[in-house]
Amino acid sequence: MYLLALLTLFGSAFAGPISTQVESRNLASTYVLPSDTIPTFYDVSLFLNPDNEESFRGSVSIRILPKVTTSEIVIHAMAMQIDSNIRVSSDRNPANNLYVSHTLATDDTHFLRIQLSEPMTILQPYTVEISYVGQFAENMFGIYLSKYQNNGQEERLITSQLQPTFARRAFPCYDEPGLKAVFRTTIYAPPSYPIVRSNMPLRSDLLKENVAGYTKHEFQDTLIMSTYLIAYLVSNFVHVENSANPIYRIPFRVYSRPGIQDTAEFAMIFGQENMAALEKYTEFDYEFPKMDKVAVPDFAAGAMENWGCTLEKYTEFDYEFPKMDKVAVPDFAAGAMENWGLVIYRLVLFILLESMCVKAKKKHQVALRECWQK
């Protein structure tokens, strides 16, 4: 009798109402993309001009694989105007455009549904080509415009925050962390904004056409990664780098507004030391070929661990040192050192753990947020 009562108590304590469980499943099916198709490769081109306060132009070519026979492709797109000249073609017949029509949801699912003239063949590669006009995000989630003062004059920059689900504001995509792919990025920016960065270094084998009035910045293809870890920067920033005295084994740069080079120098040294120490501790190497740390004036979070290009808010970065060699140790340890240590260690640790998740064969190998998104 006591055992029965105990089991009943445990059952009532841990079992949720059936109606709640059903509602949860229905909610998931409403917002999760269909598993009919998966992405393998993105080629994204963006025209980013900080002097245009409202919008930007872009195009994306997505390589996909159908997992079932279907005549519909469903991806994410948000706060953008989709051009009607969408193309969907197979490798077997690239001249034949299968596109018929599309609809973009006005609710918070952000589904872009593309209807085709015939069903796609299972596991045969297809290419989806979309041009669009996107809106700069006023709430700093997506691609957004930021401003700061330099010697009494207003300066502008463009940057991004795509976590958790705002890559869909940058380009149409499968904006779920488990739907990983390789990304190729090209950014066209005015010559007056020469500091343009993304996750990867610039490539030497240029592929895209030049456009009058813009400087073209073509970046190398990424490793397989999630959409929310993509990052962009178009600015007049300055930087310090580790080329003269490398503590860490790859190029390491810190980008910031002019006038805080002492802080940037400290961030570069401390960041390299953290990367080396955590790689040794975890016995896992960071696999991207460079690391940029960027301090931006307006940012929705304290910092974001984008692969190859971390973004941090000025309040987490901009501690004005009188001079690096004259910092009083007690004040430093009580204030900026603690803050910087927390921010940098957090970013480096997340970056390494995300890298581990891509290679992890089982989810229990690294049981943290990034891995459960695998």
Protein backbone atom coordinates (compact mmCIF):
# COMPACT_ATOMS: atom_id res chain seq x y z
CA MET A 1 0.00 0.00 0.00
CA TYR A 2 2.79 2.43 0.97
CA LEU A 3 4.68 1.54 -2.22
CA LEU A 4 1.60 2.17 -4.33
CA ALA A 5 1.04 5.52 -2.66
CA LEU A 6 4.68 6.47 -3.19
CA LEU A 7 4.58 5.55 -6.87
CA THR A 8 1.38 7.54 -7.27
CA LEU A 9 3.02 10.55 -5.62
CA PHE A 10 6.06 10.38 -7.91
CA GLY A 11 3.85 9.98 -10.94
CA SER A 12 1.79 13.03 -10.11
CA ALA A 13 4.89 15.08 -9.31
CA PHE A 14 6.86 14.38 -12.49
CA ALA A 15 4.26 13.65 -15.15
CA GLY A 16 2.95 16.75 -16.91
CA PRO A 17 -0.68 17.02 -17.97
CA ILE A 18 -1.42 15.16 -21.20
CA SER A 19 -2.96 18.26 -22.74
CA THR A 20 0.22 20.26 -22.05
CA GLN A 21 2.37 17.60 -23.71
CA VAL A 22 0.13 17.57 -26.78
CA GLU A 23 0.19 21.38 -26.96
CA SER A 24 3.99 21.31 -26.75
CA ARG A 25 4.23 18.85 -29.64
CA ASN A 26 1.79 20.90 -31.71
CA LEU A 27 3.75 24.06 -30.99
CA ALA A 28 6.99 22.42 -32.12
CA SER A 29 5.42 21.23 -35.35
CA THR A 30 4.23 24.78 -36.01
CA TYR A 31 7.66 26.40 -35.76
CA VAL A 32 10.12 23.68 -36.78
CA LEU A 33 11.01 23.46 -40.46
CA PRO A 34 9.86 20.36 -42.36
CA SER A 35 12.63 17.81 -42.72
CA ASP A 36 11.94 17.31 -46.44
CA THR A 37 15.09 19.15 -47.57
CA ILE A 38 18.44 19.99 -45.97
CA PRO A 39 21.11 22.59 -46.86
CA THR A 40 24.72 21.72 -47.64
CA PHE A 41 26.21 25.02 -48.88
CA TYR A 42 25.37 28.75 -48.88
CA ASP A 43 26.84 31.44 -51.14
CA VAL A 44 25.78 34.79 -49.65
CA SER A 45 26.43 38.23 -51.18
CA LEU A 46 25.59 41.37 -49.21
CA PHE A 47 25.68 45.06 -50.16
CA LEU A 48 26.24 46.83 -46.83
CA ASN A 49 26.44 50.63 -46.78
CA PRO A 50 26.45 52.31 -43.34
CA ASP A 51 25.32 55.56 -44.97
CA ASN A 52 22.02 53.90 -45.89
CA GLU A 53 20.06 53.87 -42.64
CA GLU A 54 17.19 51.61 -43.64
CA SER A 55 18.00 48.66 -45.87
CA PHE A 56 20.56 46.50 -47.64
CA ARG A 57 20.56 44.31 -50.74
CA GLY A 58 21.51 40.67 -50.77
CA SER A 59 21.41 37.42 -52.66
CA VAL A 60 21.86 33.82 -51.61
CA SER A 61 22.45 30.59 -53.49
CA ILE A 62 21.65 27.52 -51.38
CA ARG A 63 22.66 23.99 -52.30
CA ILE A 64 20.06 21.57 -50.96
CA LEU A 65 19.32 17.84 -50.89
CA PRO A 66 15.72 16.54 -50.88
CA LYS A 67 15.19 13.73 -48.36
CA VAL A 68 11.75 12.91 -49.74
CA THR A 69 9.93 13.48 -53.01
CA THR A 70 8.46 16.97 -52.66
CA SER A 71 7.51 19.94 -54.81
CA GLU A 72 7.84 22.49 -51.99
CA ILE A 73 10.89 24.03 -50.29
CA VAL A 74 10.39 25.65 -46.88
CA ILE A 75 13.06 27.89 -45.35
CA HIS A 76 13.17 30.98 -43.12
CA ALA A 77 13.09 34.65 -44.12
CA MET A 78 12.21 37.64 -41.94
CA ALA A 79 11.80 41.39 -42.44
CA MET A 80 12.77 41.33 -46.10
CA GLN A 81 11.28 41.80 -49.55
CA ILE A 82 11.85 38.74 -51.72
CA ASP A 83 12.38 39.36 -55.43
CA SER A 84 10.14 37.38 -57.77
CA ASN A 85 13.05 36.09 -59.88
CA ILE A 86 13.73 33.04 -57.69
CA ARG A 87 15.47 30.15 -59.44
CA VAL A 88 15.39 26.48 -58.43
CA SER A 89 17.34 24.08 -60.61
CA SER A 90 18.85 20.62 -60.49
CA ASP A 91 22.42 19.69 -61.33
CA ARG A 92 21.06 17.36 -63.98
CA ASN A 93 19.20 20.15 -65.80
CA PRO A 94 20.47 23.56 -64.61
CA ALA A 95 18.74 25.47 -67.42
CA ASN A 96 15.28 24.37 -66.27
CA ASN A 97 13.87 26.71 -63.61
CA LEU A 98 11.40 24.77 -61.44
CA TYR A 99 10.16 27.85 -59.56
CA VAL A 100 6.42 28.58 -59.79
CA SER A 101 5.54 30.84 -56.85
CA HIS A 102 6.37 31.68 -53.25
CA THR A 103 4.71 32.95 -50.09
CA LEU A 104 6.35 34.56 -47.06
CA ALA A 105 4.52 34.07 -43.77
CA THR A 106 3.38 37.20 -41.96
CA ASP A 107 3.27 35.41 -38.60
CA ASP A 108 6.18 34.55 -36.31
CA THR A 109 7.02 31.28 -38.09
CA HIS A 110 8.86 33.32 -40.79
CA PHE A 111 8.39 30.48 -43.28
CA LEU A 112 9.27 31.17 -46.91
CA ARG A 113 7.45 28.53 -48.97
CA ILE A 114 8.64 27.98 -52.55
CA GLN A 115 6.37 26.01 -54.88
CA LEU A 116 7.89 24.02 -57.75
CA SER A 117 6.56 22.84 -61.10
CA GLU A 118 7.54 19.22 -60.42
CA PRO A 119 8.69 17.06 -57.51
CA MET A 120 12.39 16.98 -56.72
CA THR A 121 14.29 13.71 -56.86
CA ILE A 122 15.42 12.27 -53.54
CA LEU A 123 19.10 12.94 -52.67
CA GLN A 124 19.80 14.73 -55.95
CA PRO A 125 21.43 18.17 -55.51
CA TYR A 126 19.41 21.30 -56.26
CA THR A 127 20.27 24.99 -56.12
CA VAL A 128 17.93 27.70 -54.82
CA GLU A 129 18.80 31.28 -55.85
CA ILE A 130 17.08 34.23 -54.12
CA SER A 131 17.61 37.99 -54.32
CA TYR A 132 16.09 40.26 -51.69
CA VAL A 133 16.12 43.59 -49.85
CA GLY A 134 16.58 43.31 -46.09
CA GLN A 135 15.89 45.81 -43.33
CA PHE A 136 18.46 46.91 -40.77
CA ALA A 137 17.26 45.67 -37.39
CA GLU A 138 16.28 48.43 -34.97
CA ASN A 139 16.48 46.04 -32.00
CA MET A 140 20.05 44.89 -32.85
CA PHE A 141 18.95 41.33 -33.72
CA GLY A 142 19.96 40.63 -37.30
CA ILE A 143 22.14 42.97 -39.37
CA TYR A 144 22.04 46.45 -37.87
CA LEU A 145 23.49 49.95 -38.07
CA SER A 146 25.47 51.32 -35.12
CA LYS A 147 26.92 54.78 -34.39
CA TYR A 148 29.66 56.21 -32.18
CA GLN A 149 31.56 59.46 -31.63
CA ASN A 150 35.16 59.94 -32.77
CA ASN A 151 36.73 63.34 -31.99
CA GLY A 152 33.29 64.91 -31.87
CA GLN A 153 32.13 63.47 -35.18
CA GLU A 154 29.57 60.75 -35.72
CA GLU A 155 30.91 57.53 -37.20
CA ARG A 156 28.83 54.61 -38.45
CA LEU A 157 29.30 50.90 -38.81
CA ILE A 158 27.30 47.81 -39.68
CA THR A 159 27.49 44.65 -37.62
CA SER A 160 25.30 41.68 -36.68
CA GLN A 161 23.83 39.53 -33.95
CA LEU A 162 22.24 36.41 -35.45
CA GLN A 163 21.76 34.37 -32.29
CA PRO A 164 19.38 32.77 -31.56
CA THR A 165 17.17 32.87 -34.69
CA PHE A 166 18.01 36.01 -36.64
CA ALA A 167 20.18 34.76 -39.49
CA ARG A 168 16.82 34.74 -41.28
CA ARG A 169 16.96 38.57 -41.15
CA ALA A 170 20.36 38.53 -42.91
CA PHE A 171 19.57 36.06 -45.71
CA PRO A 172 16.92 33.39 -46.45
CA CYS A 173 18.14 30.20 -44.83
CA TYR A 174 17.41 27.07 -42.82
CA ASP A 175 17.69 28.99 -39.55
CA GLU A 176 17.83 26.09 -37.12
CA PRO A 177 21.11 25.22 -35.34
CA GLY A 178 20.98 21.55 -36.28
CA LEU A 179 20.81 22.33 -40.02
CA LYS A 180 24.50 23.07 -40.46
CA ALA A 181 26.24 23.83 -43.74
CA VAL A 182 29.30 25.47 -45.31
CA PHE A 183 29.05 29.24 -45.87
CA ARG A 184 30.72 31.42 -48.51
CA THR A 185 30.37 35.17 -47.89
CA THR A 186 31.00 38.18 -50.12
CA ILE A 187 30.45 41.68 -48.75
CA TYR A 188 30.31 44.74 -51.00
CA ALA A 189 31.00 47.92 -49.01
CA PRO A 190 31.79 51.55 -49.91
CA PRO A 191 35.53 52.31 -50.15
CA SER A 192 35.09 54.78 -47.27
CA TYR A 193 34.47 51.79 -44.96
CA PRO A 194 37.57 49.64 -45.53
CA ILE A 195 37.49 47.42 -42.44
CA VAL A 196 35.21 44.55 -43.44
CA ARG A 197 35.29 41.27 -41.54
CA SER A 198 33.42 37.98 -41.33
CA ASN A 199 34.12 34.53 -39.90
CA MET A 200 36.90 33.58 -42.32
CA PRO A 201 39.97 35.28 -43.83
CA LEU A 202 39.78 36.91 -47.25
CA ARG A 203 40.24 34.53 -50.15
CA SER A 204 42.88 34.94 -52.86
CA ASP A 205 40.99 33.18 -55.68
CA LEU A 206 38.37 35.85 -56.31
CA LEU A 207 35.14 34.53 -57.79
CA LYS A 208 32.61 37.38 -57.88
CA GLU A 209 32.22 40.35 -60.19
CA ASN A 210 33.23 43.86 -59.18
CA VAL A 211 30.45 46.42 -58.69
CA ALA A 212 30.94 50.13 -59.35
CA GLY A 213 30.97 52.23 -56.18
CA TYR A 214 31.75 49.26 -53.91
CA THR A 215 34.84 47.42 -52.75
CA LYS A 216 34.44 43.66 -52.92
CA HIS A 217 35.48 41.53 -49.93
CA GLU A 218 35.38 37.79 -50.65
CA PHE A 219 35.90 35.43 -47.74
CA GLN A 220 37.02 31.82 -47.67
CA ASP A 221 34.47 29.05 -47.17
CA THR A 222 33.73 28.19 -43.55
CA LEU A 223 33.76 24.84 -41.87
CA ILE A 224 30.36 23.19 -41.42
CA MET A 225 28.52 25.40 -38.94
CA SER A 226 25.17 26.76 -37.74
CA THR A 227 23.58 29.91 -39.14
CA TYR A 228 23.54 31.75 -35.80
CA LEU A 229 27.36 31.81 -35.60
CA ILE A 230 27.79 33.95 -38.74
CA ALA A 231 29.12 37.50 -38.16
CA TYR A 232 29.60 40.67 -40.21
CA LEU A 233 31.44 43.97 -39.72
CA VAL A 234 31.68 47.01 -42.03
CA SER A 235 33.50 49.89 -40.34
CA ASN A 236 36.32 52.41 -40.01
CA PHE A 237 37.79 50.60 -37.01
CA VAL A 238 41.48 50.20 -36.24
CA HIS A 239 43.10 47.01 -35.00
CA VAL A 240 46.04 45.45 -33.21
CA GLU A 241 47.33 42.00 -34.11
CA ASN A 242 49.75 39.31 -32.98
CA SER A 243 51.91 39.13 -36.11
CA ALA A 244 54.96 40.67 -34.40
CA ASN A 245 54.80 38.62 -31.19
CA PRO A 246 52.42 35.66 -31.52
CA ILE A 247 51.47 33.97 -28.26
CA TYR A 248 48.85 31.89 -30.04
CA ARG A 249 49.39 29.84 -33.21
CA ILE A 250 46.94 31.62 -35.56
CA PRO A 251 46.36 35.28 -36.56
CA PHE A 252 44.65 37.06 -33.65
CA ARG A 253 43.31 40.61 -34.08
CA VAL A 254 41.31 43.02 -31.95
CA TYR A 255 39.19 45.64 -33.77
CA SER A 256 37.89 48.76 -32.04
CA ARG A 257 37.23 52.46 -32.49
CA PRO A 258 40.34 54.65 -32.50
CA GLY A 259 41.73 55.76 -29.15
CA ILE A 260 41.58 52.60 -27.05
CA GLN A 261 44.61 50.75 -28.37
CA ASP A 262 45.94 50.07 -24.85
CA THR A 263 42.78 48.17 -24.01
CA ALA A 264 42.86 46.40 -27.36
CA GLU A 265 46.48 45.37 -26.77
CA PHE A 266 45.54 43.85 -23.43
CA ALA A 267 42.58 42.03 -24.98
CA MET A 268 44.84 40.61 -27.68
CA ILE A 269 47.44 39.31 -25.20
CA PHE A 270 44.95 37.97 -22.67
CA GLY A 271 42.77 36.43 -25.38
CA GLN A 272 45.69 34.53 -26.89
CA GLU A 273 46.75 33.23 -23.49
CA ASN A 274 43.21 32.01 -22.84
CA MET A 275 42.96 30.25 -26.19
CA ALA A 276 46.26 28.45 -25.67
CA ALA A 277 45.44 27.47 -22.08
CA LEU A 278 41.95 26.19 -22.84
CA GLU A 279 43.12 24.21 -25.86
CA LYS A 280 45.67 22.51 -23.64
CA TYR A 281 43.10 21.86 -20.92
CA THR A 282 40.39 20.51 -23.26
CA GLU A 283 42.88 18.71 -25.54
CA PHE A 284 40.93 20.10 -28.47
CA ASP A 285 42.18 22.57 -31.07
CA TYR A 286 40.23 25.56 -32.32
CA GLU A 287 39.97 24.84 -36.05
CA PHE A 288 39.22 28.17 -37.69
CA PRO A 289 42.26 29.83 -39.32
CA LYS A 290 41.95 33.20 -37.53
CA MET A 291 40.38 34.91 -34.54
CA ASP A 292 38.99 38.46 -34.61
CA LYS A 293 37.62 40.17 -31.52
CA VAL A 294 35.45 43.19 -32.31
CA ALA A 295 34.26 45.82 -29.80
CA VAL A 296 31.04 47.47 -30.99
CA PRO A 297 29.17 50.36 -29.32
CA ASP A 298 25.68 48.86 -29.47
CA PHE A 299 25.14 45.17 -28.89
CA ALA A 300 22.14 43.17 -27.74
CA ALA A 301 24.25 40.89 -25.52
CA GLY A 302 27.45 41.28 -23.53
CA ALA A 303 29.35 39.26 -26.11
CA MET A 304 28.77 36.66 -28.83
CA GLU A 305 31.05 33.73 -29.60
CA ASN A 306 30.77 33.73 -33.41
CA TRP A 307 33.36 31.42 -34.93
CA GLY A 308 36.37 33.40 -36.10
CA CYS A 309 34.82 36.80 -35.30
CA THR A 310 33.60 37.37 -31.74
CA LEU A 311 31.59 40.52 -31.03
CA GLU A 312 31.64 42.33 -27.70
CA LYS A 313 29.94 45.42 -26.35
CA TYR A 314 32.06 48.46 -25.48
CA THR A 315 31.04 48.19 -21.83
CA GLU A 316 32.70 44.76 -21.75
CA PHE A 317 35.75 46.04 -23.58
CA ASP A 318 36.35 49.74 -23.23
CA TYR A 319 38.22 50.09 -19.94
CA GLU A 320 40.47 53.12 -20.31
CA PHE A 321 43.98 52.27 -19.14
CA PRO A 322 46.16 55.36 -18.54
CA LYS A 323 49.06 53.21 -19.81
CA MET A 324 49.52 49.50 -19.77
CA ASP A 325 52.74 49.74 -17.77
CA LYS A 326 51.24 52.01 -15.09
CA VAL A 327 48.14 50.10 -14.08
CA ALA A 328 47.77 49.67 -10.32
CA VAL A 329 47.38 45.95 -9.67
CA PRO A 330 44.79 46.13 -6.83
CA ASP A 331 42.44 48.41 -8.79
CA PHE A 332 42.91 46.37 -11.94
CA ALA A 333 42.21 43.07 -10.21
CA ALA A 334 39.10 44.41 -8.54
CA GLY A 335 37.64 45.94 -11.67
CA ALA A 336 38.58 45.51 -15.29
CA MET A 337 40.63 42.36 -14.90
CA GLU A 338 37.74 40.45 -13.42
CA ASN A 339 35.35 41.71 -16.07
CA TRP A 340 37.68 40.96 -18.93
CA GLY A 341 38.54 37.55 -17.59
CA LEU A 342 34.92 36.52 -17.39
CA VAL A 343 34.06 37.80 -20.85
CA ILE A 344 37.11 36.41 -22.65
CA TYR A 345 37.08 33.03 -20.92
CA ARG A 346 33.38 32.65 -21.68
CA LEU A 347 33.85 33.41 -25.37
CA VAL A 348 36.86 31.17 -25.78
CA LEU A 349 35.24 28.29 -23.92
CA PHE A 350 32.04 28.49 -25.98
CA ILE A 351 34.04 28.63 -29.21
CA LEU A 352 36.01 25.51 -28.32
CA LEU A 353 32.90 23.66 -27.15
CA GLU A 354 31.03 24.54 -30.35
CA SER A 355 33.97 23.20 -32.36
CA MET A 356 33.87 20.00 -30.32
CA CYS A 357 30.17 19.61 -31.03
CA VAL A 358 30.68 19.57 -34.78
CA LYS A 359 33.00 16.60 -34.37
CA ALA A 360 31.17 14.89 -31.51
CA LYS A 361 29.74 11.54 -32.60
CA LYS A 362 27.24 11.41 -29.76
CA LYS A 363 25.40 14.18 -27.95
CA HIS A 364 26.54 13.00 -24.54
CA GLN A 365 30.19 13.70 -25.40
CA VAL A 366 29.75 17.39 -24.61
CA ALA A 367 26.48 17.98 -22.79
CA LEU A 368 26.09 21.75 -23.13
CA ARG A 369 23.78 24.09 -25.01
CA GLU A 370 25.78 24.18 -28.22
CA CYS A 371 25.81 20.38 -28.48
CA TRP A 372 22.12 19.94 -27.88
CA GLN A 373 21.61 22.22 -30.89
CA LYS A 374 23.56 19.75 -33.05
